[in-house]
Amino acid sequence: MKKKIIIIASSLVVIILLHSTPSMALRTHIFFIGYPKAAISSGIIEDKEHNEVDKDKFAELNAKAYTLTNPPIEKATQGELRNFLVRKFGFLHFAEYYGDT
């Protein structure tokens, strides 16, 4: 029983740490979609253009757009995975691909 509690608690701590900040959530998302090298090496900057243009939409979603400085290249389309949207739920952040708009 104690072993199960320790495993569950450890898992929750890891999830909280991986989603505690926008940059960690973005790096975690990039890692799990199959680009571990880009998750570690790419820089992350706030995408001021998208954040200004879609200010009302992002405020409603409680989100901000971020851009990778060294984005990975998607294998299927050979496109750059550059722009991501990071949404905040409570104290946790979750990233998703925003597109190359």
PDB file of N, CA and C in Angstrom:
ATOM      1  N   MET A   1       0.818  -1.197   0.000  1.00  0.00           N
ATOM      2  CA  MET A   1       0.000   0.000   0.000  1.00  0.00           C
ATOM      3  C   MET A   1       0.864   1.265   0.000  1.00  0.00           C
ATOM      4  N   LYS A   2       1.899   1.275   0.835  1.00  0.00           N
ATOM      5  CA  LYS A   2       2.782   2.438   0.886  1.00  0.00           C
ATOM      6  C   LYS A   2       3.481   2.662  -0.447  1.00  0.00           C
ATOM      7  N   LYS A   3       3.810   1.562  -1.100  1.00  0.00           N
ATOM      8  CA  LYS A   3       4.500   1.654  -2.387  1.00  0.00           C
ATOM      9  C   LYS A   3       3.618   2.352  -3.430  1.00  0.00           C
ATOM     10  N   LYS A   4       2.326   2.030  -3.437  1.00  0.00           N
ATOM     11  CA  LYS A   4       1.401   2.654  -4.369  1.00  0.00           C
ATOM     12  C   LYS A   4       1.274   4.143  -4.101  1.00  0.00           C
ATOM     13  N   ILE A   5       1.197   4.520  -2.836  1.00  0.00           N
ATOM     14  CA  ILE A   5       1.081   5.935  -2.477  1.00  0.00           C
ATOM     15  C   ILE A   5       2.329   6.692  -2.899  1.00  0.00           C
ATOM     16  N   ILE A   6       3.487   6.096  -2.695  1.00  0.00           N
ATOM     17  CA  ILE A   6       4.743   6.744  -3.088  1.00  0.00           C
ATOM     18  C   ILE A   6       4.806   6.906  -4.606  1.00  0.00           C
ATOM     19  N   ILE A   7       4.395   5.910  -5.347  1.00  0.00           N
ATOM     20  CA  ILE A   7       4.404   5.980  -6.816  1.00  0.00           C
ATOM     21  C   ILE A   7       3.435   7.046  -7.309  1.00  0.00           C
ATOM     22  N   ILE A   8       2.249   7.083  -6.747  1.00  0.00           N
ATOM     23  CA  ILE A   8       1.248   8.082  -7.151  1.00  0.00           C
ATOM     24  C   ILE A   8       1.721   9.486  -6.802  1.00  0.00           C
ATOM     25  N   ALA A   9       2.245   9.659  -5.601  1.00  0.00           N
ATOM     26  CA  ALA A   9       2.736  10.979  -5.184  1.00  0.00           C
ATOM     27  C   ALA A   9       3.905  11.428  -6.053  1.00  0.00           C
ATOM     28  N   SER A  10       4.804  10.522  -6.353  1.00  0.00           N
ATOM     29  CA  SER A  10       5.943  10.850  -7.214  1.00  0.00           C
ATOM     30  C   SER A  10       5.479  11.256  -8.606  1.00  0.00           C
ATOM     31  N   SER A  11       4.507  10.524  -9.136  1.00  0.00           N
ATOM     32  CA  SER A  11       3.974  10.854 -10.461  1.00  0.00           C
ATOM     33  C   SER A  11       3.343  12.238 -10.478  1.00  0.00           C
ATOM     34  N   LEU A  12       2.588  12.560  -9.445  1.00  0.00           N
ATOM     35  CA  LEU A  12       1.959  13.878  -9.359  1.00  0.00           C
ATOM     36  C   LEU A  12       3.007  14.984  -9.263  1.00  0.00           C
ATOM     37  N   VAL A  13       4.051  14.764  -8.506  1.00  0.00           N
ATOM     38  CA  VAL A  13       5.120  15.760  -8.381  1.00  0.00           C
ATOM     39  C   VAL A  13       5.790  15.991  -9.735  1.00  0.00           C
ATOM     40  N   VAL A  14       6.062  14.924 -10.464  1.00  0.00           N
ATOM     41  CA  VAL A  14       6.698  15.051 -11.787  1.00  0.00           C
ATOM     42  C   VAL A  14       5.780  15.815 -12.737  1.00  0.00           C
ATOM     43  N   ILE A  15       4.503  15.490 -12.754  1.00  0.00           N
ATOM     44  CA  ILE A  15       3.547  16.189 -13.631  1.00  0.00           C
ATOM     45  C   ILE A  15       3.479  17.665 -13.279  1.00  0.00           C
ATOM     46  N   ILE A  16       3.424  17.969 -11.995  1.00  0.00           N
ATOM     47  CA  ILE A  16       3.371  19.373 -11.574  1.00  0.00           C
ATOM     48  C   ILE A  16       4.641  20.107 -11.986  1.00  0.00           C
ATOM     49  N   LEU A  17       5.796  19.486 -11.806  1.00  0.00           N
ATOM     50  CA  LEU A  17       7.055  20.127 -12.196  1.00  0.00           C
ATOM     51  C   LEU A  17       7.141  20.360 -13.704  1.00  0.00           C
ATOM     52  N   LEU A  18       6.685  19.386 -14.487  1.00  0.00           N
ATOM     53  CA  LEU A  18       6.767  19.507 -15.948  1.00  0.00           C
ATOM     54  C   LEU A  18       5.776  20.514 -16.517  1.00  0.00           C
ATOM     55  N   HIS A  19       4.779  20.908 -15.736  1.00  0.00           N
ATOM     56  CA  HIS A  19       3.777  21.857 -16.206  1.00  0.00           C
ATOM     57  C   HIS A  19       3.679  23.088 -15.306  1.00  0.00           C
ATOM     58  N   SER A  20       4.721  23.371 -14.554  1.00  0.00           N
ATOM     59  CA  SER A  20       4.683  24.476 -13.604  1.00  0.00           C
ATOM     60  C   SER A  20       4.920  25.844 -14.233  1.00  0.00           C
ATOM     61  N   THR A  21       5.637  25.896 -15.347  1.00  0.00           N
ATOM     62  CA  THR A  21       5.892  27.162 -16.035  1.00  0.00           C
ATOM     63  C   THR A  21       5.572  26.999 -17.514  1.00  0.00           C
ATOM     64  N   PRO A  22       5.328  28.103 -18.215  1.00  0.00           N
ATOM     65  CA  PRO A  22       5.052  27.989 -19.654  1.00  0.00           C
ATOM     66  C   PRO A  22       6.198  27.335 -20.432  1.00  0.00           C
ATOM     67  N   SER A  23       7.429  27.675 -20.115  1.00  0.00           N
ATOM     68  CA  SER A  23       8.549  27.104 -20.871  1.00  0.00           C
ATOM     69  C   SER A  23       8.706  25.611 -20.590  1.00  0.00           C
ATOM     70  N   MET A  24       8.508  25.185 -19.344  1.00  0.00           N
ATOM     71  CA  MET A  24       8.599  23.752 -19.043  1.00  0.00           C
ATOM     72  C   MET A  24       7.464  22.990 -19.716  1.00  0.00           C
ATOM     73  N   ALA A  25       6.265  23.549 -19.726  1.00  0.00           N
ATOM     74  CA  ALA A  25       5.138  22.891 -20.391  1.00  0.00           C
ATOM     75  C   ALA A  25       5.396  22.772 -21.889  1.00  0.00           C
ATOM     76  N   LEU A  26       5.969  23.821 -22.479  1.00  0.00           N
ATOM     77  CA  LEU A  26       6.270  23.794 -23.912  1.00  0.00           C
ATOM     78  C   LEU A  26       7.364  22.782 -24.217  1.00  0.00           C
ATOM     79  N   ARG A  27       8.410  22.757 -23.412  1.00  0.00           N
ATOM     80  CA  ARG A  27       9.484  21.774 -23.621  1.00  0.00           C
ATOM     81  C   ARG A  27       8.958  20.340 -23.443  1.00  0.00           C
ATOM     82  N   THR A  28       8.087  20.131 -22.474  1.00  0.00           N
ATOM     83  CA  THR A  28       7.493  18.813 -22.252  1.00  0.00           C
ATOM     84  C   THR A  28       6.665  18.388 -23.465  1.00  0.00           C
ATOM     85  N   HIS A  29       5.860  19.300 -23.985  1.00  0.00           N
ATOM     86  CA  HIS A  29       5.030  18.997 -25.150  1.00  0.00           C
ATOM     87  C   HIS A  29       5.899  18.647 -26.367  1.00  0.00           C
ATOM     88  N   ILE A  30       6.928  19.428 -26.602  1.00  0.00           N
ATOM     89  CA  ILE A  30       7.815  19.173 -27.740  1.00  0.00           C
ATOM     90  C   ILE A  30       8.510  17.828 -27.580  1.00  0.00           C
ATOM     91  N   PHE A  31       8.930  17.517 -26.376  1.00  0.00           N
ATOM     92  CA  PHE A  31       9.572  16.228 -26.108  1.00  0.00           C
ATOM     93  C   PHE A  31       8.627  15.074 -26.435  1.00  0.00           C
ATOM     94  N   PHE A  32       7.378  15.170 -25.963  1.00  0.00           N
ATOM     95  CA  PHE A  32       6.442  14.067 -26.146  1.00  0.00           C
ATOM     96  C   PHE A  32       5.857  13.960 -27.552  1.00  0.00           C
ATOM     97  N   ILE A  33       5.970  15.007 -28.376  1.00  0.00           N
ATOM     98  CA  ILE A  33       5.520  14.847 -29.764  1.00  0.00           C
ATOM     99  C   ILE A  33       6.650  14.306 -30.647  1.00  0.00           C
ATOM    100  N   GLY A  34       7.797  14.020 -30.038  1.00  0.00           N
ATOM    101  CA  GLY A  34       8.834  13.302 -30.757  1.00  0.00           C
ATOM    102  C   GLY A  34      10.072  14.094 -31.130  1.00  0.00           C
ATOM    103  N   TYR A  35      10.319  15.224 -30.488  1.00  0.00           N
ATOM    104  CA  TYR A  35      11.482  16.037 -30.817  1.00  0.00           C
ATOM    105  C   TYR A  35      12.282  16.369 -29.549  1.00  0.00           C
ATOM    106  N   PRO A  36      12.914  15.347 -28.925  1.00  0.00           N
ATOM    107  CA  PRO A  36      13.622  15.586 -27.665  1.00  0.00           C
ATOM    108  C   PRO A  36      14.804  16.549 -27.795  1.00  0.00           C
ATOM    109  N   LYS A  37      15.514  16.493 -28.918  1.00  0.00           N
ATOM    110  CA  LYS A  37      16.657  17.392 -29.103  1.00  0.00           C
ATOM    111  C   LYS A  37      16.193  18.851 -29.147  1.00  0.00           C
ATOM    112  N   ALA A  38      15.118  19.123 -29.880  1.00  0.00           N
ATOM    113  CA  ALA A  38      14.583  20.485 -29.964  1.00  0.00           C
ATOM    114  C   ALA A  38      14.024  20.940 -28.619  1.00  0.00           C
ATOM    115  N   ALA A  39      13.461  20.008 -27.861  1.00  0.00           N
ATOM    116  CA  ALA A  39      12.905  20.357 -26.551  1.00  0.00           C
ATOM    117  C   ALA A  39      13.992  20.854 -25.612  1.00  0.00           C
ATOM    118  N   ILE A  40      15.167  20.302 -25.742  1.00  0.00           N
ATOM    119  CA  ILE A  40      16.275  20.676 -24.864  1.00  0.00           C
ATOM    120  C   ILE A  40      17.029  21.892 -25.389  1.00  0.00           C
ATOM    121  N   SER A  41      17.249  21.943 -26.693  1.00  0.00           N
ATOM    122  CA  SER A  41      18.179  22.946 -27.238  1.00  0.00           C
ATOM    123  C   SER A  41      17.531  24.238 -27.747  1.00  0.00           C
ATOM    124  N   SER A  42      16.284  24.214 -28.093  1.00  0.00           N
ATOM    125  CA  SER A  42      15.659  25.396 -28.694  1.00  0.00           C
ATOM    126  C   SER A  42      15.348  26.458 -27.645  1.00  0.00           C
ATOM    127  N   GLY A  43      15.554  27.706 -28.028  1.00  0.00           N
ATOM    128  CA  GLY A  43      15.169  28.815 -27.165  1.00  0.00           C
ATOM    129  C   GLY A  43      13.687  29.108 -27.317  1.00  0.00           C
ATOM    130  N   ILE A  44      13.110  29.713 -26.294  1.00  0.00           N
ATOM    131  CA  ILE A  44      11.682  30.025 -26.301  1.00  0.00           C
ATOM    132  C   ILE A  44      11.525  31.515 -26.034  1.00  0.00           C
ATOM    133  N   ILE A  45      10.785  32.186 -26.940  1.00  0.00           N
ATOM    134  CA  ILE A  45      10.517  33.608 -26.747  1.00  0.00           C
ATOM    135  C   ILE A  45       9.004  33.830 -26.839  1.00  0.00           C
ATOM    136  N   GLU A  46       8.555  34.876 -26.177  1.00  0.00           N
ATOM    137  CA  GLU A  46       7.134  35.223 -26.248  1.00  0.00           C
ATOM    138  C   GLU A  46       6.848  35.801 -27.631  1.00  0.00           C
ATOM    139  N   ASP A  47       5.779  35.337 -28.256  1.00  0.00           N
ATOM    140  CA  ASP A  47       5.403  35.772 -29.598  1.00  0.00           C
ATOM    141  C   ASP A  47       4.548  37.033 -29.491  1.00  0.00           C
ATOM    142  N   LYS A  48       5.203  38.181 -29.497  1.00  0.00           N
ATOM    143  CA  LYS A  48       4.508  39.454 -29.276  1.00  0.00           C
ATOM    144  C   LYS A  48       3.482  39.754 -30.358  1.00  0.00           C
ATOM    145  N   GLU A  49       3.791  39.379 -31.594  1.00  0.00           N
ATOM    146  CA  GLU A  49       2.865  39.652 -32.707  1.00  0.00           C
ATOM    147  C   GLU A  49       1.538  38.924 -32.516  1.00  0.00           C
ATOM    148  N   HIS A  50       1.587  37.606 -32.303  1.00  0.00           N
ATOM    149  CA  HIS A  50       0.355  36.844 -32.113  1.00  0.00           C
ATOM    150  C   HIS A  50      -0.367  37.263 -30.835  1.00  0.00           C
ATOM    151  N   ASN A  51       0.383  37.544 -29.784  1.00  0.00           N
ATOM    152  CA  ASN A  51      -0.237  37.942 -28.522  1.00  0.00           C
ATOM    153  C   ASN A  51      -0.970  39.270 -28.651  1.00  0.00           C
ATOM    154  N   GLU A  52      -0.471  40.169 -29.487  1.00  0.00           N
ATOM    155  CA  GLU A  52      -1.126  41.462 -29.680  1.00  0.00           C
ATOM    156  C   GLU A  52      -2.353  41.329 -30.597  1.00  0.00           C
ATOM    157  N   VAL A  53      -2.193  40.606 -31.702  1.00  0.00           N
ATOM    158  CA  VAL A  53      -3.280  40.466 -32.673  1.00  0.00           C
ATOM    159  C   VAL A  53      -4.466  39.700 -32.081  1.00  0.00           C
ATOM    160  N   ASP A  54      -4.177  38.622 -31.351  1.00  0.00           N
ATOM    161  CA  ASP A  54      -5.230  37.770 -30.798  1.00  0.00           C
ATOM    162  C   ASP A  54      -5.420  37.998 -29.301  1.00  0.00           C
ATOM    163  N   LYS A  55      -5.215  39.218 -28.848  1.00  0.00           N
ATOM    164  CA  LYS A  55      -5.247  39.542 -27.422  1.00  0.00           C
ATOM    165  C   LYS A  55      -6.569  39.132 -26.768  1.00  0.00           C
ATOM    166  N   ASP A  56      -7.690  39.450 -27.387  1.00  0.00           N
ATOM    167  CA  ASP A  56      -8.993  39.132 -26.799  1.00  0.00           C
ATOM    168  C   ASP A  56      -9.235  37.626 -26.738  1.00  0.00           C
ATOM    169  N   LYS A  57      -8.903  36.940 -27.814  1.00  0.00           N
ATOM    170  CA  LYS A  57      -9.082  35.492 -27.868  1.00  0.00           C
ATOM    171  C   LYS A  57      -8.204  34.810 -26.811  1.00  0.00           C
ATOM    172  N   PHE A  58      -6.952  35.249 -26.693  1.00  0.00           N
ATOM    173  CA  PHE A  58      -6.037  34.648 -25.723  1.00  0.00           C
ATOM    174  C   PHE A  58      -6.448  34.954 -24.288  1.00  0.00           C
ATOM    175  N   ALA A  59      -7.005  36.138 -24.050  1.00  0.00           N
ATOM    176  CA  ALA A  59      -7.474  36.484 -22.709  1.00  0.00           C
ATOM    177  C   ALA A  59      -8.617  35.556 -22.300  1.00  0.00           C
ATOM    178  N   GLU A  60      -9.492  35.262 -23.252  1.00  0.00           N
ATOM    179  CA  GLU A  60     -10.607  34.361 -22.995  1.00  0.00           C
ATOM    180  C   GLU A  60     -10.123  32.938 -22.709  1.00  0.00           C
ATOM    181  N   LEU A  61      -9.066  32.520 -23.413  1.00  0.00           N
ATOM    182  CA  LEU A  61      -8.509  31.177 -23.238  1.00  0.00           C
ATOM    183  C   LEU A  61      -7.504  31.099 -22.089  1.00  0.00           C
ATOM    184  N   ASN A  62      -7.128  32.249 -21.525  1.00  0.00           N
ATOM    185  CA  ASN A  62      -6.079  32.323 -20.515  1.00  0.00           C
ATOM    186  C   ASN A  62      -4.792  31.718 -21.083  1.00  0.00           C
ATOM    187  N   ALA A  63      -4.348  32.268 -22.216  1.00  0.00           N
ATOM    188  CA  ALA A  63      -3.225  31.691 -22.956  1.00  0.00           C
ATOM    189  C   ALA A  63      -2.289  32.775 -23.486  1.00  0.00           C
ATOM    190  N   LYS A  64      -1.091  32.335 -23.877  1.00  0.00           N
ATOM    191  CA  LYS A  64      -0.113  33.186 -24.547  1.00  0.00           C
ATOM    192  C   LYS A  64       0.566  32.371 -25.629  1.00  0.00           C
ATOM    193  N   ALA A  65       1.009  33.062 -26.678  1.00  0.00           N
ATOM    194  CA  ALA A  65       1.715  32.400 -27.764  1.00  0.00           C
ATOM    195  C   ALA A  65       3.217  32.521 -27.533  1.00  0.00           C
ATOM    196  N   TYR A  66       3.918  31.446 -27.867  1.00  0.00           N
ATOM    197  CA  TYR A  66       5.370  31.406 -27.750  1.00  0.00           C
ATOM    198  C   TYR A  66       5.954  30.880 -29.057  1.00  0.00           C
ATOM    199  N   THR A  67       7.188  31.295 -29.351  1.00  0.00           N
ATOM    200  CA  THR A  67       7.883  30.884 -30.563  1.00  0.00           C
ATOM    201  C   THR A  67       9.197  30.225 -30.195  1.00  0.00           C
ATOM    202  N   LEU A  68       9.530  29.163 -30.912  1.00  0.00           N
ATOM    203  CA  LEU A  68      10.822  28.501 -30.720  1.00  0.00           C
ATOM    204  C   LEU A  68      11.846  29.170 -31.625  1.00  0.00           C
ATOM    205  N   THR A  69      13.040  29.421 -31.095  1.00  0.00           N
ATOM    206  CA  THR A  69      14.077  30.065 -31.906  1.00  0.00           C
ATOM    207  C   THR A  69      14.773  29.075 -32.830  1.00  0.00           C
ATOM    208  N   ASN A  70      14.791  27.808 -32.461  1.00  0.00           N
ATOM    209  CA  ASN A  70      15.378  26.766 -33.303  1.00  0.00           C
ATOM    210  C   ASN A  70      14.365  25.628 -33.401  1.00  0.00           C
ATOM    211  N   PRO A  71      13.304  25.822 -34.197  1.00  0.00           N
ATOM    212  CA  PRO A  71      12.183  24.868 -34.195  1.00  0.00           C
ATOM    213  C   PRO A  71      12.531  23.551 -34.881  1.00  0.00           C
ATOM    214  N   PRO A  72      11.868  22.473 -34.453  1.00  0.00           N
ATOM    215  CA  PRO A  72      12.053  21.192 -35.138  1.00  0.00           C
ATOM    216  C   PRO A  72      11.327  21.206 -36.480  1.00  0.00           C
ATOM    217  N   ILE A  73      11.774  20.349 -37.371  1.00  0.00           N
ATOM    218  CA  ILE A  73      11.141  20.189 -38.682  1.00  0.00           C
ATOM    219  C   ILE A  73      10.242  18.956 -38.624  1.00  0.00           C
ATOM    220  N   GLU A  74       8.963  19.156 -38.931  1.00  0.00           N
ATOM    221  CA  GLU A  74       8.014  18.043 -38.924  1.00  0.00           C
ATOM    222  C   GLU A  74       8.374  17.071 -40.035  1.00  0.00           C
ATOM    223  N   LYS A  75       8.379  15.801 -39.699  1.00  0.00           N
ATOM    224  CA  LYS A  75       8.815  14.776 -40.653  1.00  0.00           C
ATOM    225  C   LYS A  75       7.856  14.631 -41.838  1.00  0.00           C
ATOM    226  N   ALA A  76       6.552  14.695 -41.596  1.00  0.00           N
ATOM    227  CA  ALA A  76       5.563  14.440 -42.647  1.00  0.00           C
ATOM    228  C   ALA A  76       5.482  15.572 -43.670  1.00  0.00           C
ATOM    229  N   THR A  77       5.488  16.819 -43.220  1.00  0.00           N
ATOM    230  CA  THR A  77       5.280  17.939 -44.139  1.00  0.00           C
ATOM    231  C   THR A  77       6.524  18.778 -44.378  1.00  0.00           C
ATOM    232  N   GLN A  78       7.596  18.495 -43.628  1.00  0.00           N
ATOM    233  CA  GLN A  78       8.838  19.266 -43.705  1.00  0.00           C
ATOM    234  C   GLN A  78       8.631  20.728 -43.307  1.00  0.00           C
ATOM    235  N   GLY A  79       7.587  21.003 -42.542  1.00  0.00           N
ATOM    236  CA  GLY A  79       7.326  22.349 -42.049  1.00  0.00           C
ATOM    237  C   GLY A  79       7.926  22.557 -40.668  1.00  0.00           C
ATOM    238  N   GLU A  80       8.200  23.804 -40.343  1.00  0.00           N
ATOM    239  CA  GLU A  80       8.751  24.120 -39.033  1.00  0.00           C
ATOM    240  C   GLU A  80       7.632  24.191 -37.987  1.00  0.00           C
ATOM    241  N   LEU A  81       7.866  23.583 -36.856  1.00  0.00           N
ATOM    242  CA  LEU A  81       6.932  23.659 -35.734  1.00  0.00           C
ATOM    243  C   LEU A  81       7.403  24.804 -34.844  1.00  0.00           C
ATOM    244  N   ARG A  82       7.032  26.015 -35.210  1.00  0.00           N
ATOM    245  CA  ARG A  82       7.596  27.208 -34.593  1.00  0.00           C
ATOM    246  C   ARG A  82       6.695  27.826 -33.519  1.00  0.00           C
ATOM    247  N   ASN A  83       5.399  27.935 -33.760  1.00  0.00           N
ATOM    248  CA  ASN A  83       4.501  28.678 -32.869  1.00  0.00           C
ATOM    249  C   ASN A  83       3.648  27.740 -32.024  1.00  0.00           C
ATOM    250  N   PHE A  84       3.604  28.033 -30.737  1.00  0.00           N
ATOM    251  CA  PHE A  84       2.838  27.218 -29.805  1.00  0.00           C
ATOM    252  C   PHE A  84       2.005  28.112 -28.905  1.00  0.00           C
ATOM    253  N   LEU A  85       0.886  27.574 -28.458  1.00  0.00           N
ATOM    254  CA  LEU A  85       0.002  28.275 -27.548  1.00  0.00           C
ATOM    255  C   LEU A  85       0.086  27.569 -26.200  1.00  0.00           C
ATOM    256  N   VAL A  86       0.325  28.337 -25.146  1.00  0.00           N
ATOM    257  CA  VAL A  86       0.407  27.774 -23.800  1.00  0.00           C
ATOM    258  C   VAL A  86      -0.763  28.318 -22.992  1.00  0.00           C
ATOM    259  N   ARG A  87      -1.627  27.392 -22.559  1.00  0.00           N
ATOM    260  CA  ARG A  87      -2.812  27.758 -21.781  1.00  0.00           C
ATOM    261  C   ARG A  87      -2.572  27.446 -20.316  1.00  0.00           C
ATOM    262  N   LYS A  88      -3.151  28.260 -19.471  1.00  0.00           N
ATOM    263  CA  LYS A  88      -2.997  28.082 -18.030  1.00  0.00           C
ATOM    264  C   LYS A  88      -4.320  27.627 -17.425  1.00  0.00           C
ATOM    265  N   PHE A  89      -4.267  26.503 -16.707  1.00  0.00           N
ATOM    266  CA  PHE A  89      -5.406  25.968 -15.973  1.00  0.00           C
ATOM    267  C   PHE A  89      -5.001  25.912 -14.502  1.00  0.00           C
ATOM    268  N   GLY A  90      -5.553  26.810 -13.706  1.00  0.00           N
ATOM    269  CA  GLY A  90      -5.140  26.877 -12.311  1.00  0.00           C
ATOM    270  C   GLY A  90      -3.684  27.297 -12.232  1.00  0.00           C
ATOM    271  N   PHE A  91      -2.854  26.455 -11.658  1.00  0.00           N
ATOM    272  CA  PHE A  91      -1.431  26.764 -11.587  1.00  0.00           C
ATOM    273  C   PHE A  91      -0.605  25.940 -12.574  1.00  0.00           C
ATOM    274  N   LEU A  92      -1.271  25.152 -13.414  1.00  0.00           N
ATOM    275  CA  LEU A  92      -0.582  24.327 -14.399  1.00  0.00           C
ATOM    276  C   LEU A  92      -0.695  24.936 -15.795  1.00  0.00           C
ATOM    277  N   HIS A  93       0.331  24.712 -16.619  1.00  0.00           N
ATOM    278  CA  HIS A  93       0.378  25.206 -17.995  1.00  0.00           C
ATOM    279  C   HIS A  93       0.405  24.017 -18.946  1.00  0.00           C
ATOM    280  N   PHE A  94      -0.297  24.152 -20.069  1.00  0.00           N
ATOM    281  CA  PHE A  94      -0.345  23.102 -21.083  1.00  0.00           C
ATOM    282  C   PHE A  94      -0.135  23.728 -22.453  1.00  0.00           C
ATOM    283  N   ALA A  95       0.725  23.110 -23.257  1.00  0.00           N
ATOM    284  CA  ALA A  95       1.068  23.647 -24.570  1.00  0.00           C
ATOM    285  C   ALA A  95       0.392  22.858 -25.675  1.00  0.00           C
ATOM    286  N   GLU A  96       0.172  23.547 -26.791  1.00  0.00           N
ATOM    287  CA  GLU A  96      -0.347  22.916 -28.003  1.00  0.00           C
ATOM    288  C   GLU A  96       0.206  23.677 -29.197  1.00  0.00           C
ATOM    289  N   TYR A  97       0.306  22.991 -30.307  1.00  0.00           N
ATOM    290  CA  TYR A  97       0.825  23.637 -31.509  1.00  0.00           C
ATOM    291  C   TYR A  97      -0.175  24.684 -32.002  1.00  0.00           C
ATOM    292  N   TYR A  98       0.313  25.871 -32.307  1.00  0.00           N
ATOM    293  CA  TYR A  98      -0.568  26.973 -32.728  1.00  0.00           C
ATOM    294  C   TYR A  98      -0.612  27.127 -34.237  1.00  0.00           C
ATOM    295  N   GLY A  99       0.357  26.637 -34.937  1.00  0.00           N
ATOM    296  CA  GLY A  99       0.384  26.764 -36.386  1.00  0.00           C
ATOM    297  C   GLY A  99       1.392  27.786 -36.838  1.00  0.00           C
ATOM    298  N   ASP A 100       1.579  27.854 -38.096  1.00  0.00           N
ATOM    299  CA  ASP A 100       2.566  28.779 -38.665  1.00  0.00           C
ATOM    300  C   ASP A 100       1.843  29.934 -39.334  1.00  0.00           C
ATOM    301  N   THR A 101       0.983  30.577 -38.571  1.00  0.00           N
ATOM    302  CA  THR A 101       0.178  31.667 -39.103  1.00  0.00           C
ATOM    303  C   THR A 101       0.843  33.001 -38.948  1.00  0.00           C
TER     304      THR A 101
END
